[in-house]
């Protein structure tokens, strides 16, 4: 199911924004299944992901955000508005004059995506102090941990390399929304075997 959402989102990014290799995409969302979907969909096009505070945010062609009317978004940048609510069929707030509604649009796109070839040397994530290229991002290995509990709200671009490595190891990730307690019943029901730690 997650793969289908990545494919749908990649098709949306191609058809609605003509996203191409080396173009900069700002992901202005915390860790959430939708932000992970859109980050991976952008990488299918060879885009470079940055946080809104990064110096390259000013050159972004696309700003993915839950606050599409933020005055800090460059006027030249296209906007994809995302409502993180699990069952939201459309964006629940003010879209402003130019934003595309991810929630309302994505379901209409196909759940298969056939990407063009992109360079493994392309920058996948540009951080303040380092960059990660596509080849390194998807080649990093990790020890399998089973089913990992992750608390939402983490910076998504900091968490993404960990998520990709653990998925490659065959692990499952369970994202716990803010305000939800990690009870023993939840842990048993989801068969949690590990908790996310930045040092892990």
C-alpha atoms as a PDB file:
ATOM      1  CA  UNK A   1       0.000   0.000   0.000  1.00  0.00           C
ATOM      2  CA  UNK A   2       2.807   2.429   0.889  1.00  0.00           C
ATOM      3  CA  UNK A   3       4.478   1.729  -2.470  1.00  0.00           C
ATOM      4  CA  UNK A   4       1.218   2.590  -4.240  1.00  0.00           C
ATOM      5  CA  UNK A   5       1.110   5.977  -2.520  1.00  0.00           C
ATOM      6  CA  UNK A   6       4.718   6.651  -3.539  1.00  0.00           C
ATOM      7  CA  UNK A   7       3.868   5.788  -7.148  1.00  0.00           C
ATOM      8  CA  UNK A   8       0.724   7.936  -7.133  1.00  0.00           C
ATOM      9  CA  UNK A   9       2.686  10.836  -5.666  1.00  0.00           C
ATOM     10  CA  UNK A  10       5.521  10.447  -8.176  1.00  0.00           C
ATOM     11  CA  UNK A  11       2.983  10.591 -11.004  1.00  0.00           C
ATOM     12  CA  UNK A  12       1.421  13.701  -9.454  1.00  0.00           C
ATOM     13  CA  UNK A  13       4.837  15.390  -9.223  1.00  0.00           C
ATOM     14  CA  UNK A  14       5.524  14.585 -12.872  1.00  0.00           C
ATOM     15  CA  UNK A  15       2.165  15.648 -14.262  1.00  0.00           C
ATOM     16  CA  UNK A  16       1.458  18.678 -12.073  1.00  0.00           C
ATOM     17  CA  UNK A  17       4.953  20.081 -11.533  1.00  0.00           C
ATOM     18  CA  UNK A  18       7.202  18.560 -14.250  1.00  0.00           C
ATOM     19  CA  UNK A  19       9.714  17.702 -11.536  1.00  0.00           C
ATOM     20  CA  UNK A  20      13.168  16.876 -12.892  1.00  0.00           C
ATOM     21  CA  UNK A  21      16.581  15.713 -11.717  1.00  0.00           C
ATOM     22  CA  UNK A  22      18.593  18.174  -9.576  1.00  0.00           C
ATOM     23  CA  UNK A  23      15.624  20.466  -8.965  1.00  0.00           C
ATOM     24  CA  UNK A  24      15.225  21.492  -5.332  1.00  0.00           C
ATOM     25  CA  UNK A  25      12.175  20.453  -3.306  1.00  0.00           C
ATOM     26  CA  UNK A  26      11.527  21.822   0.177  1.00  0.00           C
ATOM     27  CA  UNK A  27       9.848  19.316   2.494  1.00  0.00           C
ATOM     28  CA  UNK A  28       8.310  21.526   5.164  1.00  0.00           C
ATOM     29  CA  UNK A  29       6.657  18.706   7.103  1.00  0.00           C
ATOM     30  CA  UNK A  30       7.625  16.576  10.109  1.00  0.00           C
ATOM     31  CA  UNK A  31       8.009  12.808   9.889  1.00  0.00           C
ATOM     32  CA  UNK A  32       4.655  11.375   8.824  1.00  0.00           C
ATOM     33  CA  UNK A  33       3.700   8.705   6.324  1.00  0.00           C
ATOM     34  CA  UNK A  34       2.673  11.406   3.841  1.00  0.00           C
ATOM     35  CA  UNK A  35       5.956  13.309   4.155  1.00  0.00           C
ATOM     36  CA  UNK A  36       7.904  10.054   3.696  1.00  0.00           C
ATOM     37  CA  UNK A  37       5.780   9.225   0.639  1.00  0.00           C
ATOM     38  CA  UNK A  38       6.412  12.623  -0.940  1.00  0.00           C
ATOM     39  CA  UNK A  39      10.122  12.579  -0.128  1.00  0.00           C
ATOM     40  CA  UNK A  40      10.525   9.194  -1.825  1.00  0.00           C
ATOM     41  CA  UNK A  41       8.357  10.275  -4.756  1.00  0.00           C
ATOM     42  CA  UNK A  42      10.579  13.327  -5.261  1.00  0.00           C
ATOM     43  CA  UNK A  43      13.693  11.138  -5.182  1.00  0.00           C
ATOM     44  CA  UNK A  44      12.198   9.012  -7.975  1.00  0.00           C
ATOM     45  CA  UNK A  45      12.679  12.107 -10.134  1.00  0.00           C
ATOM     46  CA  UNK A  46      16.221  12.746  -8.880  1.00  0.00           C
ATOM     47  CA  UNK A  47      15.196  15.879  -6.988  1.00  0.00           C
ATOM     48  CA  UNK A  48      17.264  17.344  -4.157  1.00  0.00           C
ATOM     49  CA  UNK A  49      15.416  17.523  -0.831  1.00  0.00           C
ATOM     50  CA  UNK A  50      16.084  20.375   1.583  1.00  0.00           C
ATOM     51  CA  UNK A  51      14.579  21.720   4.789  1.00  0.00           C
ATOM     52  CA  UNK A  52      12.881  25.142   4.707  1.00  0.00           C
ATOM     53  CA  UNK A  53      15.793  26.675   6.638  1.00  0.00           C
ATOM     54  CA  UNK A  54      18.424  25.489   4.144  1.00  0.00           C
ATOM     55  CA  UNK A  55      20.225  28.083   2.032  1.00  0.00           C
ATOM     56  CA  UNK A  56      19.081  26.346  -1.164  1.00  0.00           C
ATOM     57  CA  UNK A  57      15.410  26.645  -0.195  1.00  0.00           C
ATOM     58  CA  UNK A  58      15.364  29.975  -2.037  1.00  0.00           C
ATOM     59  CA  UNK A  59      15.935  28.144  -5.336  1.00  0.00           C
ATOM     60  CA  UNK A  60      13.262  25.501  -4.755  1.00  0.00           C
ATOM     61  CA  UNK A  61      10.815  24.749  -7.552  1.00  0.00           C
ATOM     62  CA  UNK A  62       8.372  23.058  -5.169  1.00  0.00           C
ATOM     63  CA  UNK A  63       7.461  23.615  -1.503  1.00  0.00           C
ATOM     64  CA  UNK A  64       5.649  20.731   0.222  1.00  0.00           C
ATOM     65  CA  UNK A  65       3.892  22.043   3.302  1.00  0.00           C
ATOM     66  CA  UNK A  66       0.905  22.020   5.635  1.00  0.00           C
ATOM     67  CA  UNK A  67       0.976  25.856   5.673  1.00  0.00           C
ATOM     68  CA  UNK A  68       0.630  26.892   2.014  1.00  0.00           C
ATOM     69  CA  UNK A  69      -0.037  30.559   2.830  1.00  0.00           C
ATOM     70  CA  UNK A  70       3.262  30.948   4.716  1.00  0.00           C
ATOM     71  CA  UNK A  71       4.707  34.311   3.577  1.00  0.00           C
ATOM     72  CA  UNK A  72       8.204  32.820   3.760  1.00  0.00           C
ATOM     73  CA  UNK A  73       7.596  30.640   0.692  1.00  0.00           C
ATOM     74  CA  UNK A  74       9.329  32.232  -2.336  1.00  0.00           C
ATOM     75  CA  UNK A  75       6.906  33.744  -4.826  1.00  0.00           C
ATOM     76  CA  UNK A  76       8.555  31.826  -7.678  1.00  0.00           C
ATOM     77  CA  UNK A  77       7.990  28.461  -5.990  1.00  0.00           C
ATOM     78  CA  UNK A  78       5.085  26.124  -6.672  1.00  0.00           C
ATOM     79  CA  UNK A  79       3.285  24.812  -3.591  1.00  0.00           C
ATOM     80  CA  UNK A  80       1.877  21.399  -2.716  1.00  0.00           C
ATOM     81  CA  UNK A  81      -0.419  21.600   0.309  1.00  0.00           C
ATOM     82  CA  UNK A  82      -0.661  18.496   2.501  1.00  0.00           C
ATOM     83  CA  UNK A  83      -3.194  17.908   5.259  1.00  0.00           C
ATOM     84  CA  UNK A  84      -1.605  15.291   7.555  1.00  0.00           C
ATOM     85  CA  UNK A  85      -4.940  14.076   8.938  1.00  0.00           C
ATOM     86  CA  UNK A  86      -5.199  10.375   8.106  1.00  0.00           C
ATOM     87  CA  UNK A  87      -8.667  10.500   6.524  1.00  0.00           C
ATOM     88  CA  UNK A  88      -8.526  13.997   5.010  1.00  0.00           C
ATOM     89  CA  UNK A  89      -9.880  13.843   1.455  1.00  0.00           C
ATOM     90  CA  UNK A  90      -8.915  17.458   0.820  1.00  0.00           C
ATOM     91  CA  UNK A  91      -6.824  20.171   2.426  1.00  0.00           C
ATOM     92  CA  UNK A  92      -8.746  21.465   5.410  1.00  0.00           C
ATOM     93  CA  UNK A  93      -7.428  25.028   5.470  1.00  0.00           C
ATOM     94  CA  UNK A  94      -6.738  28.006   3.230  1.00  0.00           C
ATOM     95  CA  UNK A  95      -4.896  26.907   0.096  1.00  0.00           C
ATOM     96  CA  UNK A  96      -4.111  30.432  -0.986  1.00  0.00           C
ATOM     97  CA  UNK A  97      -4.161  31.393  -4.668  1.00  0.00           C
ATOM     98  CA  UNK A  98      -1.640  28.922  -6.117  1.00  0.00           C
ATOM     99  CA  UNK A  99      -1.271  25.774  -3.999  1.00  0.00           C
ATOM    100  CA  UNK A 100      -2.155  22.318  -5.305  1.00  0.00           C
ATOM    101  CA  UNK A 101      -4.217  20.177  -2.919  1.00  0.00           C
ATOM    102  CA  UNK A 102      -2.291  16.917  -2.445  1.00  0.00           C
ATOM    103  CA  UNK A 103      -5.087  15.192  -0.527  1.00  0.00           C
ATOM    104  CA  UNK A 104      -7.694  15.932  -3.186  1.00  0.00           C
ATOM    105  CA  UNK A 105      -5.474  15.246  -6.203  1.00  0.00           C
ATOM    106  CA  UNK A 106      -3.269  12.264  -5.453  1.00  0.00           C
ATOM    107  CA  UNK A 107      -5.967   9.578  -5.552  1.00  0.00           C
ATOM    108  CA  UNK A 108      -6.643  10.236  -9.238  1.00  0.00           C
ATOM    109  CA  UNK A 109      -3.130   9.213 -10.286  1.00  0.00           C
ATOM    110  CA  UNK A 110      -2.001   5.738 -11.264  1.00  0.00           C
ATOM    111  CA  UNK A 111      -0.443   3.437  -8.689  1.00  0.00           C
ATOM    112  CA  UNK A 112       2.411   2.416 -10.979  1.00  0.00           C
ATOM    113  CA  UNK A 113       5.290   4.725 -11.827  1.00  0.00           C
ATOM    114  CA  UNK A 114       8.002   4.139 -14.413  1.00  0.00           C
ATOM    115  CA  UNK A 115      10.843   6.548 -13.627  1.00  0.00           C
ATOM    116  CA  UNK A 116      13.439   7.800 -16.046  1.00  0.00           C
ATOM    117  CA  UNK A 117      17.056   6.999 -15.263  1.00  0.00           C
ATOM    118  CA  UNK A 118      18.698   9.419 -12.827  1.00  0.00           C
ATOM    119  CA  UNK A 119      22.325   9.693 -11.766  1.00  0.00           C
ATOM    120  CA  UNK A 120      23.369   7.965  -8.560  1.00  0.00           C
ATOM    121  CA  UNK A 121      25.659  10.930  -7.932  1.00  0.00           C
ATOM    122  CA  UNK A 122      22.711  13.338  -7.809  1.00  0.00           C
ATOM    123  CA  UNK A 123      22.228  14.987  -4.429  1.00  0.00           C
ATOM    124  CA  UNK A 124      19.290  13.355  -2.663  1.00  0.00           C
ATOM    125  CA  UNK A 125      19.370  15.302   0.609  1.00  0.00           C
ATOM    126  CA  UNK A 126      21.236  18.561   1.139  1.00  0.00           C
ATOM    127  CA  UNK A 127      21.812  19.268   4.816  1.00  0.00           C
ATOM    128  CA  UNK A 128      23.435  22.240   6.485  1.00  0.00           C
ATOM    129  CA  UNK A 129      26.743  20.425   6.962  1.00  0.00           C
ATOM    130  CA  UNK A 130      26.657  17.511   4.532  1.00  0.00           C
ATOM    131  CA  UNK A 131      24.952  16.062   1.483  1.00  0.00           C
ATOM    132  CA  UNK A 132      23.853  12.530   0.644  1.00  0.00           C
ATOM    133  CA  UNK A 133      23.778  11.343  -2.945  1.00  0.00           C
ATOM    134  CA  UNK A 134      21.169   8.924  -4.255  1.00  0.00           C
ATOM    135  CA  UNK A 135      23.528   5.969  -4.530  1.00  0.00           C
ATOM    136  CA  UNK A 136      24.734   6.327  -0.934  1.00  0.00           C
ATOM    137  CA  UNK A 137      21.231   6.889   0.409  1.00  0.00           C
ATOM    138  CA  UNK A 138      19.878   3.669  -1.061  1.00  0.00           C
ATOM    139  CA  UNK A 139      23.023   1.569  -0.552  1.00  0.00           C
ATOM    140  CA  UNK A 140      23.376   2.090   3.202  1.00  0.00           C
ATOM    141  CA  UNK A 141      22.920  -1.159   5.114  1.00  0.00           C
ATOM    142  CA  UNK A 142      21.442  -1.635   8.567  1.00  0.00           C
ATOM    143  CA  UNK A 143      20.873  -4.427  11.042  1.00  0.00           C
ATOM    144  CA  UNK A 144      17.331  -5.780  10.938  1.00  0.00           C
ATOM    145  CA  UNK A 145      15.314  -4.891  14.032  1.00  0.00           C
ATOM    146  CA  UNK A 146      11.828  -6.166  13.204  1.00  0.00           C
ATOM    147  CA  UNK A 147       9.029  -3.663  13.789  1.00  0.00           C
ATOM    148  CA  UNK A 148      10.269  -0.262  14.933  1.00  0.00           C
ATOM    149  CA  UNK A 149       8.182   2.288  16.822  1.00  0.00           C
ATOM    150  CA  UNK A 150       8.812   5.852  15.669  1.00  0.00           C
ATOM    151  CA  UNK A 151       7.312   8.957  17.241  1.00  0.00           C
ATOM    152  CA  UNK A 152       5.978  11.473  14.737  1.00  0.00           C
ATOM    153  CA  UNK A 153       7.282  15.025  14.700  1.00  0.00           C
ATOM    154  CA  UNK A 154      10.919  14.229  13.905  1.00  0.00           C
ATOM    155  CA  UNK A 155      12.585  16.254  11.125  1.00  0.00           C
ATOM    156  CA  UNK A 156      11.720  14.115   8.127  1.00  0.00           C
ATOM    157  CA  UNK A 157      14.964  14.639   6.213  1.00  0.00           C
ATOM    158  CA  UNK A 158      16.980  13.565   9.244  1.00  0.00           C
ATOM    159  CA  UNK A 159      14.855  10.448   9.655  1.00  0.00           C
ATOM    160  CA  UNK A 160      14.607   9.467   5.972  1.00  0.00           C
ATOM    161  CA  UNK A 161      18.065   7.789   5.637  1.00  0.00           C
ATOM    162  CA  UNK A 162      17.326   5.657   8.706  1.00  0.00           C
ATOM    163  CA  UNK A 163      13.917   4.680   7.329  1.00  0.00           C
ATOM    164  CA  UNK A 164      15.324   3.674   3.936  1.00  0.00           C
ATOM    165  CA  UNK A 165      18.081   1.571   5.522  1.00  0.00           C
ATOM    166  CA  UNK A 166      15.661  -0.241   7.838  1.00  0.00           C
ATOM    167  CA  UNK A 167      13.167  -0.862   5.037  1.00  0.00           C
ATOM    168  CA  UNK A 168      16.006  -2.363   2.996  1.00  0.00           C
ATOM    169  CA  UNK A 169      16.753  -4.643   5.955  1.00  0.00           C
ATOM    170  CA  UNK A 170      13.154  -5.866   5.837  1.00  0.00           C
ATOM    171  CA  UNK A 171      11.885  -3.932   8.848  1.00  0.00           C
ATOM    172  CA  UNK A 172       8.483  -2.313   9.353  1.00  0.00           C
ATOM    173  CA  UNK A 173       8.007   1.166  10.810  1.00  0.00           C
ATOM    174  CA  UNK A 174       5.063   2.148  12.992  1.00  0.00           C
ATOM    175  CA  UNK A 175       4.641   5.931  13.232  1.00  0.00           C
ATOM    176  CA  UNK A 176       3.065   7.075  16.476  1.00  0.00           C
ATOM    177  CA  UNK A 177       1.217  10.382  16.169  1.00  0.00           C
ATOM    178  CA  UNK A 178       1.647  13.163  18.706  1.00  0.00           C
ATOM    179  CA  UNK A 179      -0.535  12.639  21.745  1.00  0.00           C
ATOM    180  CA  UNK A 180      -0.810   8.874  21.287  1.00  0.00           C
ATOM    181  CA  UNK A 181       0.645   6.864  24.149  1.00  0.00           C
ATOM    182  CA  UNK A 182       2.840   3.873  23.405  1.00  0.00           C
ATOM    183  CA  UNK A 183       0.907   1.500  25.652  1.00  0.00           C
ATOM    184  CA  UNK A 184       1.792  -2.138  26.166  1.00  0.00           C
ATOM    185  CA  UNK A 185      -1.405  -3.052  24.339  1.00  0.00           C
ATOM    186  CA  UNK A 186      -0.305  -0.989  21.336  1.00  0.00           C
ATOM    187  CA  UNK A 187       3.163  -2.516  21.422  1.00  0.00           C
ATOM    188  CA  UNK A 188       1.767  -6.025  21.568  1.00  0.00           C
ATOM    189  CA  UNK A 189      -0.821  -5.351  18.876  1.00  0.00           C
ATOM    190  CA  UNK A 190       1.756  -3.882  16.491  1.00  0.00           C
ATOM    191  CA  UNK A 191       4.387  -6.460  17.536  1.00  0.00           C
ATOM    192  CA  UNK A 192       6.944  -3.755  18.302  1.00  0.00           C
ATOM    193  CA  UNK A 193      10.463  -5.125  18.702  1.00  0.00           C
ATOM    194  CA  UNK A 194      12.481  -1.888  18.816  1.00  0.00           C
ATOM    195  CA  UNK A 195      12.168   1.859  19.350  1.00  0.00           C
ATOM    196  CA  UNK A 196      13.705   4.408  17.030  1.00  0.00           C
ATOM    197  CA  UNK A 197      16.823   6.095  18.334  1.00  0.00           C
ATOM    198  CA  UNK A 198      18.945   8.556  16.315  1.00  0.00           C
ATOM    199  CA  UNK A 199      22.016   6.657  17.478  1.00  0.00           C
ATOM    200  CA  UNK A 200      20.592   3.285  16.381  1.00  0.00           C
END
